[in-house]
Amino acid sequence: MTPTRADEAMIRAAIEAARTADPRDVPVGAVVFGPDGQELARAANAREATGDPTAHAEVLALRAATAVLGDGWRLEGATLAVTLEPCTMCAGALVLSRIGKLVFGAWEPKTGAVGSLWDVVRDRRLNHRPQVTAGVLEPECAALLDDFFRSQRP
């Protein structure tokens, strides 16, 4: 799908979230917006900071958003904006949450599960398939990662 101004605004919020990641964590940010466009929750990767392999930005934001809604685990009609194409774990989590739309920035050719290596969210065998808008503000999102990995090299 062609990105809208709203998609770009959501990715800008995800970029802000990514910038709050612990310096040891890969700067990925995710924000969940309700059906009305209101921000429900945001998170940054926290695997290194928490020692939790599931502490990806998407999972943390989905968990926080369901707590805000207080309506169980379904996020129908909500949108998840994330700076990087979700991995298989995160793609599975967003399908299971019944998120209505996924908007992401940079493609992840090594582990991406929304079209790069796999396409979990569009698998017709699953009972839910969110709408997807990919590559939104891709250069800005990729720059976050490039800067991080450049700083990790001696």
N, C-alpha and C. Protein backbone atom coordinates (compact mmCIF):
# COMPACT_ATOMS: atom_id res chain seq x y z
N MET A 1 0.83 -1.19 0.00
CA MET A 1 0.00 0.00 0.00
C MET A 1 0.87 1.25 0.00
N THR A 2 0.36 2.30 -0.57
CA THR A 2 1.06 3.58 -0.59
C THR A 2 0.93 4.24 0.78
N PRO A 3 2.05 4.67 1.37
CA PRO A 3 2.00 5.30 2.69
C PRO A 3 1.20 6.61 2.66
N THR A 4 0.49 6.86 3.74
CA THR A 4 -0.24 8.10 3.92
C THR A 4 0.54 9.00 4.87
N ARG A 5 0.10 10.24 4.99
CA ARG A 5 0.73 11.14 5.98
C ARG A 5 0.57 10.58 7.39
N ALA A 6 -0.57 9.93 7.64
CA ALA A 6 -0.78 9.32 8.96
C ALA A 6 0.22 8.20 9.20
N ASP A 7 0.50 7.39 8.16
CA ASP A 7 1.50 6.33 8.29
C ASP A 7 2.86 6.93 8.64
N GLU A 8 3.23 8.01 7.94
CA GLU A 8 4.51 8.66 8.21
C GLU A 8 4.57 9.22 9.63
N ALA A 9 3.49 9.79 10.09
CA ALA A 9 3.45 10.31 11.46
C ALA A 9 3.62 9.18 12.48
N MET A 10 3.00 8.05 12.20
CA MET A 10 3.13 6.91 13.11
C MET A 10 4.56 6.39 13.13
N ILE A 11 5.21 6.34 11.97
CA ILE A 11 6.60 5.88 11.93
C ILE A 11 7.51 6.89 12.62
N ARG A 12 7.22 8.18 12.51
CA ARG A 12 8.02 9.18 13.24
C ARG A 12 7.92 8.92 14.75
N ALA A 13 6.74 8.56 15.23
CA ALA A 13 6.58 8.23 16.65
C ALA A 13 7.40 6.98 16.99
N ALA A 14 7.42 6.01 16.10
CA ALA A 14 8.21 4.79 16.32
C ALA A 14 9.71 5.12 16.34
N ILE A 15 10.14 6.05 15.49
CA ILE A 15 11.54 6.48 15.50
C ILE A 15 11.88 7.12 16.84
N GLU A 16 10.98 7.95 17.35
CA GLU A 16 11.19 8.55 18.68
C GLU A 16 11.33 7.46 19.74
N ALA A 17 10.48 6.46 19.65
CA ALA A 17 10.55 5.35 20.62
C ALA A 17 11.88 4.61 20.48
N ALA A 18 12.33 4.38 19.26
CA ALA A 18 13.60 3.67 19.04
C ALA A 18 14.76 4.41 19.69
N ARG A 19 14.71 5.71 19.67
CA ARG A 19 15.80 6.52 20.24
C ARG A 19 15.88 6.41 21.76
N THR A 20 14.88 5.81 22.39
CA THR A 20 14.90 5.63 23.85
C THR A 20 15.49 4.29 24.25
N ALA A 21 15.89 3.46 23.28
CA ALA A 21 16.46 2.15 23.59
C ALA A 21 17.74 2.30 24.40
N ASP A 22 17.98 1.36 25.27
CA ASP A 22 19.24 1.29 25.99
C ASP A 22 20.37 1.27 24.96
N PRO A 23 21.48 1.91 25.24
CA PRO A 23 22.57 1.95 24.26
C PRO A 23 23.07 0.57 23.81
N ARG A 24 22.81 -0.47 24.61
CA ARG A 24 23.25 -1.82 24.24
C ARG A 24 22.25 -2.52 23.32
N ASP A 25 21.03 -2.01 23.25
CA ASP A 25 19.99 -2.64 22.45
C ASP A 25 19.91 -2.05 21.06
N VAL A 26 19.57 -2.90 20.09
CA VAL A 26 19.36 -2.45 18.72
C VAL A 26 18.18 -1.46 18.76
N PRO A 27 18.36 -0.25 18.21
CA PRO A 27 17.31 0.78 18.32
C PRO A 27 16.13 0.54 17.38
N VAL A 28 15.21 -0.28 17.85
CA VAL A 28 13.96 -0.52 17.14
C VAL A 28 12.86 0.02 18.04
N GLY A 29 11.94 0.77 17.45
CA GLY A 29 10.83 1.33 18.21
C GLY A 29 9.51 0.89 17.62
N ALA A 30 8.52 0.73 18.50
CA ALA A 30 7.18 0.33 18.07
C ALA A 30 6.15 1.14 18.85
N VAL A 31 5.08 1.52 18.16
CA VAL A 31 3.99 2.27 18.79
C VAL A 31 2.68 1.65 18.32
N VAL A 32 1.76 1.47 19.26
CA VAL A 32 0.42 0.98 18.93
C VAL A 32 -0.56 2.14 19.03
N PHE A 33 -1.34 2.29 17.97
CA PHE A 33 -2.37 3.32 17.91
C PHE A 33 -3.73 2.65 17.89
N GLY A 34 -4.67 3.20 18.65
CA GLY A 34 -6.02 2.66 18.67
C GLY A 34 -6.76 2.95 17.38
N PRO A 35 -7.94 2.37 17.23
CA PRO A 35 -8.74 2.59 16.02
C PRO A 35 -9.03 4.07 15.74
N ASP A 36 -9.03 4.89 16.80
CA ASP A 36 -9.28 6.32 16.65
C ASP A 36 -8.01 7.12 16.38
N GLY A 37 -6.87 6.42 16.27
CA GLY A 37 -5.60 7.10 16.02
C GLY A 37 -4.85 7.53 17.26
N GLN A 38 -5.45 7.34 18.42
CA GLN A 38 -4.80 7.74 19.68
C GLN A 38 -3.69 6.75 20.03
N GLU A 39 -2.56 7.27 20.46
CA GLU A 39 -1.46 6.40 20.87
C GLU A 39 -1.85 5.65 22.14
N LEU A 40 -1.68 4.32 22.09
CA LEU A 40 -1.98 3.48 23.24
C LEU A 40 -0.73 3.11 24.02
N ALA A 41 0.36 2.82 23.29
CA ALA A 41 1.58 2.38 23.95
C ALA A 41 2.75 2.49 22.99
N ARG A 42 3.94 2.63 23.56
CA ARG A 42 5.16 2.64 22.76
C ARG A 42 6.25 1.92 23.54
N ALA A 43 7.20 1.39 22.78
CA ALA A 43 8.31 0.68 23.41
C ALA A 43 9.50 0.65 22.46
N ALA A 44 10.66 0.40 23.04
CA ALA A 44 11.89 0.19 22.29
C ALA A 44 12.41 -1.20 22.64
N ASN A 45 13.24 -1.75 21.78
CA ASN A 45 13.87 -3.03 22.08
C ASN A 45 14.50 -2.96 23.46
N ALA A 46 14.39 -4.05 24.23
CA ALA A 46 14.95 -4.07 25.58
C ALA A 46 15.54 -5.44 25.92
N ARG A 47 15.97 -6.18 24.93
CA ARG A 47 16.53 -7.52 25.19
C ARG A 47 17.77 -7.44 26.08
N GLU A 48 18.69 -6.58 25.72
CA GLU A 48 19.93 -6.46 26.51
C GLU A 48 19.63 -5.85 27.88
N ALA A 49 18.81 -4.83 27.91
CA ALA A 49 18.51 -4.14 29.16
C ALA A 49 17.79 -5.05 30.16
N THR A 50 16.95 -5.96 29.66
CA THR A 50 16.15 -6.81 30.55
C THR A 50 16.64 -8.24 30.63
N GLY A 51 17.50 -8.65 29.70
CA GLY A 51 17.92 -10.05 29.66
C GLY A 51 16.79 -10.97 29.22
N ASP A 52 15.86 -10.43 28.47
CA ASP A 52 14.68 -11.18 28.02
C ASP A 52 14.71 -11.29 26.49
N PRO A 53 14.85 -12.50 25.96
CA PRO A 53 14.92 -12.63 24.51
C PRO A 53 13.64 -12.25 23.77
N THR A 54 12.53 -12.16 24.48
CA THR A 54 11.27 -11.76 23.84
C THR A 54 11.00 -10.27 23.96
N ALA A 55 11.91 -9.52 24.52
CA ALA A 55 11.69 -8.08 24.75
C ALA A 55 11.97 -7.26 23.50
N HIS A 56 11.35 -7.67 22.40
CA HIS A 56 11.41 -6.87 21.17
C HIS A 56 10.41 -5.73 21.31
N ALA A 57 10.68 -4.64 20.64
CA ALA A 57 9.82 -3.45 20.75
C ALA A 57 8.35 -3.79 20.46
N GLU A 58 8.11 -4.59 19.42
CA GLU A 58 6.73 -4.92 19.04
C GLU A 58 6.01 -5.65 20.15
N VAL A 59 6.65 -6.66 20.72
CA VAL A 59 6.02 -7.45 21.78
C VAL A 59 5.73 -6.59 22.99
N LEU A 60 6.69 -5.76 23.38
CA LEU A 60 6.49 -4.89 24.54
C LEU A 60 5.36 -3.89 24.31
N ALA A 61 5.30 -3.32 23.10
CA ALA A 61 4.24 -2.36 22.79
C ALA A 61 2.87 -3.04 22.73
N LEU A 62 2.81 -4.23 22.16
CA LEU A 62 1.53 -4.97 22.12
C LEU A 62 1.05 -5.28 23.53
N ARG A 63 1.95 -5.75 24.38
CA ARG A 63 1.58 -6.06 25.77
C ARG A 63 1.04 -4.81 26.48
N ALA A 64 1.74 -3.71 26.32
CA ALA A 64 1.33 -2.47 27.00
C ALA A 64 0.00 -1.97 26.45
N ALA A 65 -0.21 -2.09 25.14
CA ALA A 65 -1.46 -1.61 24.54
C ALA A 65 -2.66 -2.43 25.04
N THR A 66 -2.49 -3.73 25.18
CA THR A 66 -3.62 -4.53 25.67
C THR A 66 -3.94 -4.17 27.12
N ALA A 67 -2.91 -3.81 27.89
CA ALA A 67 -3.15 -3.39 29.27
C ALA A 67 -3.90 -2.06 29.32
N VAL A 68 -3.59 -1.16 28.39
CA VAL A 68 -4.27 0.14 28.34
C VAL A 68 -5.74 -0.03 27.98
N LEU A 69 -5.99 -0.88 26.99
CA LEU A 69 -7.38 -1.09 26.57
C LEU A 69 -8.19 -1.81 27.62
N GLY A 70 -7.54 -2.69 28.40
CA GLY A 70 -8.25 -3.42 29.44
C GLY A 70 -9.36 -4.28 28.88
N ASP A 71 -9.19 -4.73 27.64
CA ASP A 71 -10.25 -5.42 26.93
C ASP A 71 -9.79 -6.81 26.50
N GLY A 72 -8.93 -7.43 27.29
CA GLY A 72 -8.38 -8.71 26.89
C GLY A 72 -7.19 -8.52 25.98
N TRP A 73 -6.95 -9.47 25.11
CA TRP A 73 -5.74 -9.47 24.30
C TRP A 73 -5.94 -9.02 22.86
N ARG A 74 -7.15 -8.79 22.43
CA ARG A 74 -7.40 -8.42 21.04
C ARG A 74 -7.19 -6.92 20.80
N LEU A 75 -6.49 -6.62 19.70
CA LEU A 75 -6.24 -5.23 19.32
C LEU A 75 -6.88 -4.94 17.96
N GLU A 76 -8.08 -5.45 17.76
CA GLU A 76 -8.78 -5.27 16.49
C GLU A 76 -8.95 -3.79 16.18
N GLY A 77 -8.64 -3.43 14.95
CA GLY A 77 -8.76 -2.04 14.53
C GLY A 77 -7.58 -1.17 14.88
N ALA A 78 -6.66 -1.69 15.67
CA ALA A 78 -5.48 -0.92 16.06
C ALA A 78 -4.39 -1.04 14.99
N THR A 79 -3.42 -0.15 15.06
CA THR A 79 -2.29 -0.14 14.14
C THR A 79 -1.00 -0.24 14.93
N LEU A 80 -0.09 -1.10 14.47
CA LEU A 80 1.25 -1.18 15.03
C LEU A 80 2.21 -0.55 14.03
N ALA A 81 2.93 0.47 14.47
CA ALA A 81 3.96 1.11 13.66
C ALA A 81 5.30 0.74 14.25
N VAL A 82 6.21 0.25 13.42
CA VAL A 82 7.51 -0.20 13.90
C VAL A 82 8.58 0.20 12.89
N THR A 83 9.75 0.53 13.39
CA THR A 83 10.82 1.03 12.53
C THR A 83 11.46 -0.03 11.66
N LEU A 84 11.31 -1.30 12.02
CA LEU A 84 11.96 -2.40 11.30
C LEU A 84 10.96 -3.51 11.03
N GLU A 85 11.07 -4.13 9.88
CA GLU A 85 10.22 -5.27 9.53
C GLU A 85 10.26 -6.30 10.66
N PRO A 86 9.11 -6.72 11.17
CA PRO A 86 9.09 -7.68 12.28
C PRO A 86 9.70 -9.04 11.93
N CYS A 87 10.29 -9.66 12.95
CA CYS A 87 10.82 -11.02 12.85
C CYS A 87 9.66 -12.01 12.96
N THR A 88 9.95 -13.29 12.91
CA THR A 88 8.87 -14.29 12.97
C THR A 88 8.12 -14.23 14.30
N MET A 89 8.83 -14.06 15.40
CA MET A 89 8.16 -14.00 16.70
C MET A 89 7.19 -12.81 16.74
N CYS A 90 7.68 -11.66 16.32
CA CYS A 90 6.85 -10.46 16.38
C CYS A 90 5.70 -10.50 15.37
N ALA A 91 5.98 -11.03 14.19
CA ALA A 91 4.91 -11.17 13.19
C ALA A 91 3.82 -12.09 13.73
N GLY A 92 4.23 -13.18 14.36
CA GLY A 92 3.24 -14.08 14.96
C GLY A 92 2.46 -13.41 16.07
N ALA A 93 3.14 -12.62 16.89
CA ALA A 93 2.46 -11.93 17.99
C ALA A 93 1.44 -10.93 17.47
N LEU A 94 1.78 -10.21 16.41
CA LEU A 94 0.81 -9.22 15.91
C LEU A 94 -0.37 -9.90 15.22
N VAL A 95 -0.15 -11.04 14.59
CA VAL A 95 -1.28 -11.80 14.03
C VAL A 95 -2.17 -12.28 15.17
N LEU A 96 -1.57 -12.84 16.21
CA LEU A 96 -2.35 -13.36 17.33
C LEU A 96 -3.08 -12.27 18.09
N SER A 97 -2.56 -11.04 18.07
CA SER A 97 -3.23 -9.93 18.76
C SER A 97 -4.41 -9.39 17.97
N ARG A 98 -4.53 -9.83 16.72
CA ARG A 98 -5.60 -9.39 15.80
C ARG A 98 -5.44 -7.91 15.43
N ILE A 99 -4.19 -7.43 15.42
CA ILE A 99 -3.94 -6.04 15.03
C ILE A 99 -4.52 -5.81 13.64
N GLY A 100 -5.09 -4.65 13.42
CA GLY A 100 -5.73 -4.37 12.14
C GLY A 100 -4.76 -3.99 11.04
N LYS A 101 -3.70 -3.28 11.42
CA LYS A 101 -2.77 -2.78 10.40
C LYS A 101 -1.36 -2.76 10.97
N LEU A 102 -0.40 -3.08 10.11
CA LEU A 102 1.01 -2.98 10.43
C LEU A 102 1.63 -1.98 9.47
N VAL A 103 2.38 -1.04 10.02
CA VAL A 103 3.14 -0.07 9.23
C VAL A 103 4.58 -0.21 9.69
N PHE A 104 5.50 -0.46 8.74
CA PHE A 104 6.89 -0.54 9.16
C PHE A 104 7.81 0.24 8.23
N GLY A 105 9.00 0.55 8.77
CA GLY A 105 9.96 1.37 8.04
C GLY A 105 10.93 0.56 7.21
N ALA A 106 12.04 0.15 7.82
CA ALA A 106 13.12 -0.53 7.09
C ALA A 106 12.83 -2.01 6.92
N TRP A 107 13.21 -2.53 5.76
CA TRP A 107 13.13 -3.97 5.51
C TRP A 107 14.28 -4.65 6.25
N GLU A 108 14.07 -5.91 6.65
CA GLU A 108 15.09 -6.68 7.35
C GLU A 108 15.35 -7.98 6.57
N PRO A 109 16.30 -7.92 5.63
CA PRO A 109 16.52 -9.07 4.75
C PRO A 109 17.05 -10.32 5.45
N LYS A 110 17.60 -10.18 6.66
CA LYS A 110 18.16 -11.34 7.36
C LYS A 110 17.13 -12.10 8.19
N THR A 111 16.17 -11.38 8.78
CA THR A 111 15.21 -12.05 9.67
C THR A 111 13.77 -11.61 9.46
N GLY A 112 13.51 -10.81 8.47
CA GLY A 112 12.17 -10.25 8.26
C GLY A 112 11.12 -11.29 7.94
N ALA A 113 9.96 -11.15 8.57
CA ALA A 113 8.87 -12.12 8.38
C ALA A 113 7.60 -11.47 7.86
N VAL A 114 7.76 -10.34 7.16
CA VAL A 114 6.62 -9.67 6.53
C VAL A 114 6.96 -9.42 5.06
N GLY A 115 7.66 -10.39 4.46
CA GLY A 115 7.95 -10.30 3.05
C GLY A 115 9.40 -10.55 2.66
N SER A 116 10.34 -10.35 3.58
CA SER A 116 11.75 -10.54 3.22
C SER A 116 12.12 -12.02 3.15
N LEU A 117 12.18 -12.69 4.30
CA LEU A 117 12.47 -14.13 4.33
C LEU A 117 11.18 -14.95 4.31
N TRP A 118 10.24 -14.52 5.10
CA TRP A 118 8.94 -15.17 5.22
C TRP A 118 7.88 -14.10 5.09
N ASP A 119 6.64 -14.54 5.02
CA ASP A 119 5.53 -13.59 5.04
C ASP A 119 4.44 -14.15 5.95
N VAL A 120 4.75 -14.15 7.22
CA VAL A 120 3.86 -14.71 8.23
C VAL A 120 2.50 -14.02 8.22
N VAL A 121 2.50 -12.70 8.12
CA VAL A 121 1.24 -11.97 8.28
C VAL A 121 0.27 -12.14 7.12
N ARG A 122 0.75 -12.63 5.99
CA ARG A 122 -0.14 -12.84 4.84
C ARG A 122 -0.38 -14.31 4.55
N ASP A 123 0.03 -15.18 5.43
CA ASP A 123 -0.15 -16.61 5.24
C ASP A 123 -1.63 -16.96 5.32
N ARG A 124 -2.18 -17.44 4.25
CA ARG A 124 -3.62 -17.72 4.17
C ARG A 124 -4.07 -18.85 5.08
N ARG A 125 -3.13 -19.60 5.63
CA ARG A 125 -3.49 -20.67 6.56
C ARG A 125 -3.83 -20.12 7.94
N LEU A 126 -3.45 -18.88 8.21
CA LEU A 126 -3.74 -18.28 9.51
C LEU A 126 -5.12 -17.63 9.49
N ASN A 127 -5.69 -17.46 10.67
CA ASN A 127 -7.06 -16.94 10.75
C ASN A 127 -7.15 -15.43 10.78
N HIS A 128 -6.02 -14.74 10.74
CA HIS A 128 -6.05 -13.28 10.73
C HIS A 128 -4.89 -12.77 9.89
N ARG A 129 -5.16 -11.78 9.06
CA ARG A 129 -4.12 -11.16 8.22
C ARG A 129 -4.31 -9.65 8.27
N PRO A 130 -3.38 -8.95 8.95
CA PRO A 130 -3.49 -7.49 9.01
C PRO A 130 -3.14 -6.85 7.68
N GLN A 131 -3.62 -5.65 7.50
CA GLN A 131 -3.22 -4.82 6.37
C GLN A 131 -1.77 -4.41 6.61
N VAL A 132 -0.96 -4.30 5.56
CA VAL A 132 0.46 -3.96 5.73
C VAL A 132 0.84 -2.80 4.81
N THR A 133 1.56 -1.84 5.38
CA THR A 133 2.19 -0.78 4.60
C THR A 133 3.67 -0.81 4.97
N ALA A 134 4.52 -1.06 3.98
CA ALA A 134 5.95 -1.28 4.23
C ALA A 134 6.81 -0.18 3.62
N GLY A 135 8.00 -0.02 4.19
CA GLY A 135 8.98 0.92 3.65
C GLY A 135 8.70 2.38 3.94
N VAL A 136 7.91 2.66 4.97
CA VAL A 136 7.56 4.04 5.31
C VAL A 136 8.75 4.71 6.00
N LEU A 137 9.21 5.81 5.44
CA LEU A 137 10.39 6.53 5.95
C LEU A 137 11.57 5.57 6.11
N GLU A 138 11.70 4.69 5.14
CA GLU A 138 12.75 3.66 5.21
C GLU A 138 14.15 4.23 5.42
N PRO A 139 14.57 5.29 4.71
CA PRO A 139 15.94 5.80 4.93
C PRO A 139 16.19 6.23 6.37
N GLU A 140 15.23 6.89 6.99
CA GLU A 140 15.39 7.34 8.37
C GLU A 140 15.46 6.16 9.33
N CYS A 141 14.63 5.17 9.09
CA CYS A 141 14.63 3.98 9.96
C CYS A 141 15.91 3.18 9.79
N ALA A 142 16.37 3.02 8.56
CA ALA A 142 17.61 2.29 8.30
C ALA A 142 18.81 3.02 8.91
N ALA A 143 18.78 4.34 8.89
CA ALA A 143 19.89 5.12 9.45
C ALA A 143 20.08 4.85 10.94
N LEU A 144 18.98 4.66 11.67
CA LEU A 144 19.09 4.33 13.10
C LEU A 144 19.92 3.07 13.28
N LEU A 145 19.63 2.07 12.46
CA LEU A 145 20.33 0.79 12.56
C LEU A 145 21.77 0.91 12.09
N ASP A 146 21.98 1.60 10.98
CA ASP A 146 23.34 1.79 10.45
C ASP A 146 24.22 2.47 11.50
N ASP A 147 23.71 3.52 12.11
CA ASP A 147 24.48 4.25 13.13
C ASP A 147 24.81 3.35 14.32
N PHE A 148 23.82 2.57 14.76
CA PHE A 148 24.04 1.67 15.90
C PHE A 148 25.13 0.65 15.59
N PHE A 149 24.99 -0.05 14.46
CA PHE A 149 25.96 -1.10 14.14
C PHE A 149 27.33 -0.54 13.83
N ARG A 150 27.40 0.65 13.25
CA ARG A 150 28.68 1.29 13.03
C ARG A 150 29.37 1.59 14.37
N SER A 151 28.60 1.99 15.35
CA SER A 151 29.17 2.31 16.66
C SER A 151 29.63 1.04 17.41
N GLN A 152 29.13 -0.11 17.03
CA GLN A 152 29.49 -1.36 17.68
C GLN A 152 30.80 -1.95 17.16
N ARG A 153 31.21 -1.48 16.00
CA ARG A 153 32.45 -2.00 15.40
C ARG A 153 33.64 -1.20 15.91
N PRO A 154 34.74 -1.91 16.19
CA PRO A 154 35.94 -1.21 16.69
C PRO A 154 36.58 -0.34 15.62
